[in-house]
Protein backbone atom coordinates (compact mmCIF):
# COMPACT_ATOMS: atom_id res chain seq x y z
CA UNK A 1 -170.17 -29.16 19.37
CA UNK A 2 -167.55 -28.17 21.89
CA UNK A 3 -168.26 -27.63 25.56
CA UNK A 4 -166.53 -25.65 28.29
CA UNK A 5 -166.87 -25.37 32.02
CA UNK A 6 -166.28 -21.92 33.47
CA UNK A 7 -165.27 -21.81 37.11
CA UNK A 8 -164.99 -19.01 39.66
CA UNK A 9 -167.61 -16.69 38.18
CA UNK A 10 -168.26 -13.68 40.39
CA UNK A 11 -171.59 -14.09 42.22
CA UNK A 12 -172.78 -10.61 41.19
CA UNK A 13 -171.90 -11.30 37.55
CA UNK A 14 -173.84 -14.56 37.68
CA UNK A 15 -176.90 -12.93 39.24
CA UNK A 16 -176.80 -10.16 36.64
CA UNK A 17 -176.51 -12.78 33.89
CA UNK A 18 -179.57 -14.58 35.25
CA UNK A 19 -181.56 -11.33 35.24
CA UNK A 20 -180.52 -10.52 31.68
CA UNK A 21 -181.29 -14.05 30.51
CA UNK A 22 -184.71 -13.97 32.17
CA UNK A 23 -185.47 -10.58 30.60
CA UNK A 24 -184.48 -11.88 27.16
CA UNK A 25 -186.39 -15.13 27.76
CA UNK A 26 -183.24 -17.23 27.35
CA UNK A 27 -181.15 -19.49 29.46
CA UNK A 28 -177.89 -18.29 30.96
CA UNK A 29 -176.13 -20.89 28.80
CA UNK A 30 -177.69 -19.41 25.65
CA UNK A 31 -176.70 -15.91 26.76
CA UNK A 32 -173.09 -16.96 27.36
CA UNK A 33 -172.98 -18.96 24.11
CA UNK A 34 -174.12 -15.88 22.16
CA UNK A 35 -171.49 -13.72 23.88
CA UNK A 36 -168.72 -16.20 23.03
CA UNK A 37 -169.88 -16.50 19.41
CA UNK A 38 -170.13 -12.70 19.07
CA UNK A 39 -166.62 -12.23 20.48
CA UNK A 40 -165.25 -14.91 18.15
CA UNK A 41 -166.57 -12.94 15.15
CA UNK A 42 -164.65 -9.77 16.08
CA UNK A 43 -161.60 -8.97 13.99
CA UNK A 44 -158.23 -8.86 15.68
CA UNK A 45 -156.01 -5.78 15.49
CA UNK A 46 -153.82 -7.59 12.95
CA UNK A 47 -156.86 -8.40 10.80
CA UNK A 48 -158.00 -4.77 10.98
CA UNK A 49 -154.49 -3.58 9.96
CA UNK A 50 -154.56 -6.00 6.99
CA UNK A 51 -158.01 -4.78 5.99
CA UNK A 52 -156.89 -1.16 6.22
CA UNK A 53 -153.82 -1.99 4.12
CA UNK A 54 -156.05 -3.61 1.50
CA UNK A 55 -158.25 -0.53 1.45
CA UNK A 56 -155.26 1.80 1.11
CA UNK A 57 -153.86 -0.31 -1.76
CA UNK A 58 -157.25 -0.23 -3.48
CA UNK A 59 -157.49 3.53 -2.97
CA UNK A 60 -154.03 4.03 -4.51
CA UNK A 61 -155.07 1.94 -7.52
CA UNK A 62 -157.96 4.27 -8.36
CA UNK A 63 -157.40 6.81 -11.13
CA UNK A 64 -156.47 10.27 -9.88
CA UNK A 65 -158.62 13.26 -10.74
CA UNK A 66 -158.18 17.01 -10.48
CA UNK A 67 -161.95 17.53 -10.21
CA UNK A 68 -163.21 19.21 -7.06
CA UNK A 69 -166.29 17.33 -5.96
CA UNK A 70 -167.42 20.18 -3.69
CA UNK A 71 -169.26 22.03 -6.46
CA UNK A 72 -170.92 18.84 -7.69
CA UNK A 73 -172.07 17.88 -4.19
CA UNK A 74 -173.43 21.37 -3.54
CA UNK A 75 -175.32 21.32 -6.84
CA UNK A 76 -176.80 17.92 -6.04
CA UNK A 77 -177.74 19.08 -2.57
CA UNK A 78 -179.36 22.24 -3.87
CA UNK A 79 -181.10 20.55 -6.80
CA UNK A 80 -179.09 22.46 -9.41
CA UNK A 81 -177.93 21.03 -12.71
CA UNK A 82 -174.31 19.94 -12.93
CA UNK A 83 -172.07 20.23 -15.97
CA UNK A 84 -171.12 16.52 -15.79
């Protein structure tokens, strides 16, 4: 496992971190480790653009339909029978 040393942490930020860690019954190290791991899981803007592009390509590949889903959704909502 990797290790880091963080220097020059604002005193107020450190005190707040200690309070949060105490409240959550964790160490400050565990709290910071979780924050780093959570941030590392976030997608970058480029990854989000790629994902959106994949979704748009998938959406374009779906068969087109002239059906208006409004009537179907209203019938389902109201408990009516649909023709489909």
